[in-house]
Amino acid sequence: MTKKEQTLTEKFRQLEELTTFLEGDDVNIEQALEKFEEGLTLASECKKQLTEVENKVQKMKEDFKEVLE
């Protein structure tokens, strides 16, 4: 069984939840480290997706340059 790919919006929402958790008062060091690592992984995935979108938009702008001018 494959895990459903999260959307960028879902990943950002999860990052917000992790931030809220880490800002809480009842976080022990082990939990904080685990959540921090999870956040870094999510941030890396978001950056990759954003770069892919940016590249796609740039290509579309080049392909439709005549229409956009």
PDB file of N, CA and C in Angstrom:
ATOM      1  N   MET A   1       0.841  -1.177   0.000  1.00  0.00           N
ATOM      2  CA  MET A   1       0.000   0.000   0.000  1.00  0.00           C
ATOM      3  C   MET A   1       0.890   1.246   0.000  1.00  0.00           C
ATOM      4  N   THR A   2       0.598   2.179  -0.901  1.00  0.00           N
ATOM      5  CA  THR A   2       1.386   3.399  -0.962  1.00  0.00           C
ATOM      6  C   THR A   2       0.675   4.515  -0.203  1.00  0.00           C
ATOM      7  N   LYS A   3       1.461   5.372   0.404  1.00  0.00           N
ATOM      8  CA  LYS A   3       0.923   6.499   1.148  1.00  0.00           C
ATOM      9  C   LYS A   3       0.528   7.601   0.163  1.00  0.00           C
ATOM     10  N   LYS A   4      -0.656   8.180   0.373  1.00  0.00           N
ATOM     11  CA  LYS A   4      -1.131   9.262  -0.490  1.00  0.00           C
ATOM     12  C   LYS A   4      -0.217  10.469  -0.328  1.00  0.00           C
ATOM     13  N   GLU A   5       0.186  11.058  -1.444  1.00  0.00           N
ATOM     14  CA  GLU A   5       1.043  12.241  -1.432  1.00  0.00           C
ATOM     15  C   GLU A   5       0.262  13.424  -0.870  1.00  0.00           C
ATOM     16  N   GLN A   6       0.857  14.104   0.105  1.00  0.00           N
ATOM     17  CA  GLN A   6       0.230  15.284   0.688  1.00  0.00           C
ATOM     18  C   GLN A   6       0.338  16.463  -0.275  1.00  0.00           C
ATOM     19  N   THR A   7      -0.677  17.305  -0.263  1.00  0.00           N
ATOM     20  CA  THR A   7      -0.604  18.527  -1.058  1.00  0.00           C
ATOM     21  C   THR A   7       0.305  19.508  -0.339  1.00  0.00           C
ATOM     22  N   LEU A   8       0.710  20.527  -1.065  1.00  0.00           N
ATOM     23  CA  LEU A   8       1.553  21.564  -0.484  1.00  0.00           C
ATOM     24  C   LEU A   8       0.819  22.251   0.671  1.00  0.00           C
ATOM     25  N   THR A   9      -0.456  22.502   0.500  1.00  0.00           N
ATOM     26  CA  THR A   9      -1.259  23.131   1.548  1.00  0.00           C
ATOM     27  C   THR A   9      -1.287  22.272   2.807  1.00  0.00           C
ATOM     28  N   GLU A  10      -1.447  20.973   2.637  1.00  0.00           N
ATOM     29  CA  GLU A  10      -1.458  20.060   3.786  1.00  0.00           C
ATOM     30  C   GLU A  10      -0.105  20.069   4.507  1.00  0.00           C
ATOM     31  N   LYS A  11       0.959  20.125   3.732  1.00  0.00           N
ATOM     32  CA  LYS A  11       2.295  20.149   4.332  1.00  0.00           C
ATOM     33  C   LYS A  11       2.517  21.436   5.123  1.00  0.00           C
ATOM     34  N   PHE A  12       2.073  22.580   4.560  1.00  0.00           N
ATOM     35  CA  PHE A  12       2.209  23.843   5.281  1.00  0.00           C
ATOM     36  C   PHE A  12       1.384  23.826   6.568  1.00  0.00           C
ATOM     37  N   ARG A  13       0.191  23.262   6.502  1.00  0.00           N
ATOM     38  CA  ARG A  13      -0.654  23.156   7.690  1.00  0.00           C
ATOM     39  C   ARG A  13       0.030  22.289   8.757  1.00  0.00           C
ATOM     40  N   GLN A  14       0.636  21.216   8.326  1.00  0.00           N
ATOM     41  CA  GLN A  14       1.341  20.338   9.261  1.00  0.00           C
ATOM     42  C   GLN A  14       2.548  21.061   9.879  1.00  0.00           C
ATOM     43  N   LEU A  15       3.247  21.858   9.071  1.00  0.00           N
ATOM     44  CA  LEU A  15       4.365  22.646   9.601  1.00  0.00           C
ATOM     45  C   LEU A  15       3.882  23.633  10.663  1.00  0.00           C
ATOM     46  N   GLU A  16       2.726  24.247  10.433  1.00  0.00           N
ATOM     47  CA  GLU A  16       2.155  25.167  11.417  1.00  0.00           C
ATOM     48  C   GLU A  16       1.833  24.430  12.718  1.00  0.00           C
ATOM     49  N   GLU A  17       1.279  23.235  12.603  1.00  0.00           N
ATOM     50  CA  GLU A  17       0.957  22.431  13.780  1.00  0.00           C
ATOM     51  C   GLU A  17       2.227  22.053  14.545  1.00  0.00           C
ATOM     52  N   LEU A  18       3.274  21.690  13.823  1.00  0.00           N
ATOM     53  CA  LEU A  18       4.545  21.344  14.471  1.00  0.00           C
ATOM     54  C   LEU A  18       5.120  22.559  15.201  1.00  0.00           C
ATOM     55  N   THR A  19       5.026  23.725  14.574  1.00  0.00           N
ATOM     56  CA  THR A  19       5.530  24.953  15.199  1.00  0.00           C
ATOM     57  C   THR A  19       4.774  25.245  16.481  1.00  0.00           C
ATOM     58  N   THR A  20       3.452  25.130  16.430  1.00  0.00           N
ATOM     59  CA  THR A  20       2.630  25.356  17.618  1.00  0.00           C
ATOM     60  C   THR A  20       3.018  24.377  18.719  1.00  0.00           C
ATOM     61  N   PHE A  21       3.199  23.126  18.356  1.00  0.00           N
ATOM     62  CA  PHE A  21       3.593  22.110  19.330  1.00  0.00           C
ATOM     63  C   PHE A  21       4.933  22.467  19.973  1.00  0.00           C
ATOM     64  N   LEU A  22       5.900  22.843  19.146  1.00  0.00           N
ATOM     65  CA  LEU A  22       7.240  23.139  19.656  1.00  0.00           C
ATOM     66  C   LEU A  22       7.257  24.406  20.526  1.00  0.00           C
ATOM     67  N   GLU A  23       6.319  25.311  20.293  1.00  0.00           N
ATOM     68  CA  GLU A  23       6.239  26.527  21.095  1.00  0.00           C
ATOM     69  C   GLU A  23       5.529  26.292  22.427  1.00  0.00           C
ATOM     70  N   GLY A  24       4.967  25.117  22.607  1.00  0.00           N
ATOM     71  CA  GLY A  24       4.249  24.788  23.835  1.00  0.00           C
ATOM     72  C   GLY A  24       5.169  24.657  25.032  1.00  0.00           C
ATOM     73  N   ASP A  25       4.562  24.665  26.203  1.00  0.00           N
ATOM     74  CA  ASP A  25       5.323  24.605  27.455  1.00  0.00           C
ATOM     75  C   ASP A  25       5.664  23.185  27.903  1.00  0.00           C
ATOM     76  N   ASP A  26       4.879  22.207  27.490  1.00  0.00           N
ATOM     77  CA  ASP A  26       5.061  20.838  27.976  1.00  0.00           C
ATOM     78  C   ASP A  26       5.753  19.936  26.961  1.00  0.00           C
ATOM     79  N   VAL A  27       6.836  20.398  26.378  1.00  0.00           N
ATOM     80  CA  VAL A  27       7.553  19.612  25.376  1.00  0.00           C
ATOM     81  C   VAL A  27       8.873  19.137  25.968  1.00  0.00           C
ATOM     82  N   ASN A  28       9.071  17.825  25.940  1.00  0.00           N
ATOM     83  CA  ASN A  28      10.368  17.333  26.418  1.00  0.00           C
ATOM     84  C   ASN A  28      11.351  17.298  25.254  1.00  0.00           C
ATOM     85  N   ILE A  29      12.598  17.177  25.556  1.00  0.00           N
ATOM     86  CA  ILE A  29      13.655  17.293  24.550  1.00  0.00           C
ATOM     87  C   ILE A  29      13.548  16.221  23.467  1.00  0.00           C
ATOM     88  N   GLU A  30      13.147  15.011  23.849  1.00  0.00           N
ATOM     89  CA  GLU A  30      13.028  13.936  22.867  1.00  0.00           C
ATOM     90  C   GLU A  30      11.907  14.228  21.874  1.00  0.00           C
ATOM     91  N   GLN A  31      10.767  14.699  22.389  1.00  0.00           N
ATOM     92  CA  GLN A  31       9.652  15.058  21.514  1.00  0.00           C
ATOM     93  C   GLN A  31      10.045  16.215  20.600  1.00  0.00           C
ATOM     94  N   ALA A  32      10.700  17.210  21.178  1.00  0.00           N
ATOM     95  CA  ALA A  32      11.099  18.387  20.406  1.00  0.00           C
ATOM     96  C   ALA A  32      12.036  17.997  19.264  1.00  0.00           C
ATOM     97  N   LEU A  33      12.988  17.151  19.547  1.00  0.00           N
ATOM     98  CA  LEU A  33      13.937  16.722  18.518  1.00  0.00           C
ATOM     99  C   LEU A  33      13.233  15.958  17.404  1.00  0.00           C
ATOM    100  N   GLU A  34      12.324  15.081  17.773  1.00  0.00           N
ATOM    101  CA  GLU A  34      11.576  14.307  16.785  1.00  0.00           C
ATOM    102  C   GLU A  34      10.724  15.223  15.906  1.00  0.00           C
ATOM    103  N   LYS A  35      10.019  16.148  16.528  1.00  0.00           N
ATOM    104  CA  LYS A  35       9.154  17.068  15.782  1.00  0.00           C
ATOM    105  C   LYS A  35       9.981  18.036  14.936  1.00  0.00           C
ATOM    106  N   PHE A  36      11.121  18.464  15.432  1.00  0.00           N
ATOM    107  CA  PHE A  36      11.997  19.347  14.674  1.00  0.00           C
ATOM    108  C   PHE A  36      12.492  18.647  13.412  1.00  0.00           C
ATOM    109  N   GLU A  37      12.907  17.404  13.553  1.00  0.00           N
ATOM    110  CA  GLU A  37      13.361  16.633  12.390  1.00  0.00           C
ATOM    111  C   GLU A  37      12.222  16.451  11.384  1.00  0.00           C
ATOM    112  N   GLU A  38      11.028  16.161  11.881  1.00  0.00           N
ATOM    113  CA  GLU A  38       9.855  16.025  11.015  1.00  0.00           C
ATOM    114  C   GLU A  38       9.591  17.339  10.261  1.00  0.00           C
ATOM    115  N   GLY A  39       9.745  18.456  10.967  1.00  0.00           N
ATOM    116  CA  GLY A  39       9.550  19.763  10.350  1.00  0.00           C
ATOM    117  C   GLY A  39      10.575  20.051   9.265  1.00  0.00           C
ATOM    118  N   LEU A  40      11.825  19.689   9.515  1.00  0.00           N
ATOM    119  CA  LEU A  40      12.861  19.902   8.503  1.00  0.00           C
ATOM    120  C   LEU A  40      12.595  19.074   7.246  1.00  0.00           C
ATOM    121  N   THR A  41      12.126  17.863   7.432  1.00  0.00           N
ATOM    122  CA  THR A  41      11.788  17.010   6.297  1.00  0.00           C
ATOM    123  C   THR A  41      10.647  17.622   5.493  1.00  0.00           C
ATOM    124  N   LEU A  42       9.613  18.078   6.203  1.00  0.00           N
ATOM    125  CA  LEU A  42       8.485  18.711   5.527  1.00  0.00           C
ATOM    126  C   LEU A  42       8.911  19.983   4.795  1.00  0.00           C
ATOM    127  N   ALA A  43       9.727  20.796   5.441  1.00  0.00           N
ATOM    128  CA  ALA A  43      10.203  22.039   4.820  1.00  0.00           C
ATOM    129  C   ALA A  43      10.987  21.735   3.545  1.00  0.00           C
ATOM    130  N   SER A  44      11.783  20.702   3.574  1.00  0.00           N
ATOM    131  CA  SER A  44      12.552  20.306   2.397  1.00  0.00           C
ATOM    132  C   SER A  44      11.628  19.868   1.266  1.00  0.00           C
ATOM    133  N   GLU A  45      10.598  19.106   1.593  1.00  0.00           N
ATOM    134  CA  GLU A  45       9.631  18.662   0.593  1.00  0.00           C
ATOM    135  C   GLU A  45       8.880  19.862   0.003  1.00  0.00           C
ATOM    136  N   CYS A  46       8.510  20.820   0.858  1.00  0.00           N
ATOM    137  CA  CYS A  46       7.812  22.024   0.397  1.00  0.00           C
ATOM    138  C   CYS A  46       8.694  22.820  -0.554  1.00  0.00           C
ATOM    139  N   LYS A  47       9.944  22.971  -0.199  1.00  0.00           N
ATOM    140  CA  LYS A  47      10.865  23.721  -1.044  1.00  0.00           C
ATOM    141  C   LYS A  47      10.991  23.059  -2.415  1.00  0.00           C
ATOM    142  N   LYS A  48      11.082  21.738  -2.420  1.00  0.00           N
ATOM    143  CA  LYS A  48      11.188  21.002  -3.675  1.00  0.00           C
ATOM    144  C   LYS A  48       9.946  21.216  -4.531  1.00  0.00           C
ATOM    145  N   GLN A  49       8.765  21.111  -3.912  1.00  0.00           N
ATOM    146  CA  GLN A  49       7.524  21.300  -4.660  1.00  0.00           C
ATOM    147  C   GLN A  49       7.412  22.733  -5.179  1.00  0.00           C
ATOM    148  N   LEU A  50       7.779  23.710  -4.367  1.00  0.00           N
ATOM    149  CA  LEU A  50       7.709  25.106  -4.791  1.00  0.00           C
ATOM    150  C   LEU A  50       8.652  25.375  -5.964  1.00  0.00           C
ATOM    151  N   THR A  51       9.821  24.772  -5.934  1.00  0.00           N
ATOM    152  CA  THR A  51      10.773  24.921  -7.035  1.00  0.00           C
ATOM    153  C   THR A  51      10.213  24.315  -8.313  1.00  0.00           C
ATOM    154  N   GLU A  52       9.561  23.158  -8.192  1.00  0.00           N
ATOM    155  CA  GLU A  52       8.953  22.521  -9.364  1.00  0.00           C
ATOM    156  C   GLU A  52       7.857  23.412  -9.953  1.00  0.00           C
ATOM    157  N   VAL A  53       7.040  23.998  -9.097  1.00  0.00           N
ATOM    158  CA  VAL A  53       5.972  24.894  -9.562  1.00  0.00           C
ATOM    159  C   VAL A  53       6.577  26.123 -10.233  1.00  0.00           C
ATOM    160  N   GLU A  54       7.587  26.686  -9.606  1.00  0.00           N
ATOM    161  CA  GLU A  54       8.250  27.863 -10.175  1.00  0.00           C
ATOM    162  C   GLU A  54       8.820  27.553 -11.563  1.00  0.00           C
ATOM    163  N   ASN A  55       9.456  26.409 -11.709  1.00  0.00           N
ATOM    164  CA  ASN A  55      10.008  26.004 -13.005  1.00  0.00           C
ATOM    165  C   ASN A  55       8.913  25.813 -14.047  1.00  0.00           C
ATOM    166  N   LYS A  56       7.796  25.231 -13.626  1.00  0.00           N
ATOM    167  CA  LYS A  56       6.679  25.014 -14.542  1.00  0.00           C
ATOM    168  C   LYS A  56       6.102  26.355 -15.007  1.00  0.00           C
ATOM    169  N   VAL A  57       5.936  27.303 -14.090  1.00  0.00           N
ATOM    170  CA  VAL A  57       5.417  28.622 -14.442  1.00  0.00           C
ATOM    171  C   VAL A  57       6.375  29.321 -15.403  1.00  0.00           C
ATOM    172  N   GLN A  58       7.665  29.233 -15.129  1.00  0.00           N
ATOM    173  CA  GLN A  58       8.660  29.853 -16.004  1.00  0.00           C
ATOM    174  C   GLN A  58       8.588  29.274 -17.414  1.00  0.00           C
ATOM    175  N   LYS A  59       8.453  27.957 -17.502  1.00  0.00           N
ATOM    176  CA  LYS A  59       8.346  27.313 -18.816  1.00  0.00           C
ATOM    177  C   LYS A  59       7.077  27.756 -19.522  1.00  0.00           C
ATOM    178  N   MET A  60       5.984  27.846 -18.797  1.00  0.00           N
ATOM    179  CA  MET A  60       4.731  28.288 -19.398  1.00  0.00           C
ATOM    180  C   MET A  60       4.861  29.725 -19.911  1.00  0.00           C
ATOM    181  N   LYS A  61       5.523  30.567 -19.147  1.00  0.00           N
ATOM    182  CA  LYS A  61       5.724  31.952 -19.578  1.00  0.00           C
ATOM    183  C   LYS A  61       6.545  32.003 -20.865  1.00  0.00           C
ATOM    184  N   GLU A  62       7.554  31.149 -20.960  1.00  0.00           N
ATOM    185  CA  GLU A  62       8.370  31.093 -22.168  1.00  0.00           C
ATOM    186  C   GLU A  62       7.568  30.557 -23.352  1.00  0.00           C
ATOM    187  N   ASP A  63       6.759  29.501 -23.099  1.00  0.00           N
ATOM    188  CA  ASP A  63       5.964  28.903 -24.170  1.00  0.00           C
ATOM    189  C   ASP A  63       4.899  29.860 -24.704  1.00  0.00           C
ATOM    190  N   PHE A  64       4.392  30.733 -23.837  1.00  0.00           N
ATOM    191  CA  PHE A  64       3.325  31.652 -24.218  1.00  0.00           C
ATOM    192  C   PHE A  64       3.788  33.098 -24.244  1.00  0.00           C
ATOM    193  N   LYS A  65       5.059  33.286 -24.508  1.00  0.00           N
ATOM    194  CA  LYS A  65       5.663  34.622 -24.492  1.00  0.00           C
ATOM    195  C   LYS A  65       4.921  35.580 -25.421  1.00  0.00           C
ATOM    196  N   GLU A  66       4.615  35.124 -26.623  1.00  0.00           N
ATOM    197  CA  GLU A  66       3.939  35.972 -27.596  1.00  0.00           C
ATOM    198  C   GLU A  66       2.562  36.409 -27.099  1.00  0.00           C
ATOM    199  N   VAL A  67       1.858  35.540 -26.453  1.00  0.00           N
ATOM    200  CA  VAL A  67       0.521  35.866 -25.948  1.00  0.00           C
ATOM    201  C   VAL A  67       0.597  36.837 -24.790  1.00  0.00           C
ATOM    202  N   LEU A  68       1.614  36.721 -23.979  1.00  0.00           N
ATOM    203  CA  LEU A  68       1.750  37.556 -22.779  1.00  0.00           C
ATOM    204  C   LEU A  68       2.246  38.955 -23.081  1.00  0.00           C
ATOM    205  N   GLU A  69       2.790  39.169 -24.256  1.00  0.00           N
ATOM    206  CA  GLU A  69       3.340  40.496 -24.587  1.00  0.00           C
ATOM    207  C   GLU A  69       2.282  41.416 -25.120  1.00  0.00           C
TER     208      GLU A  69
END
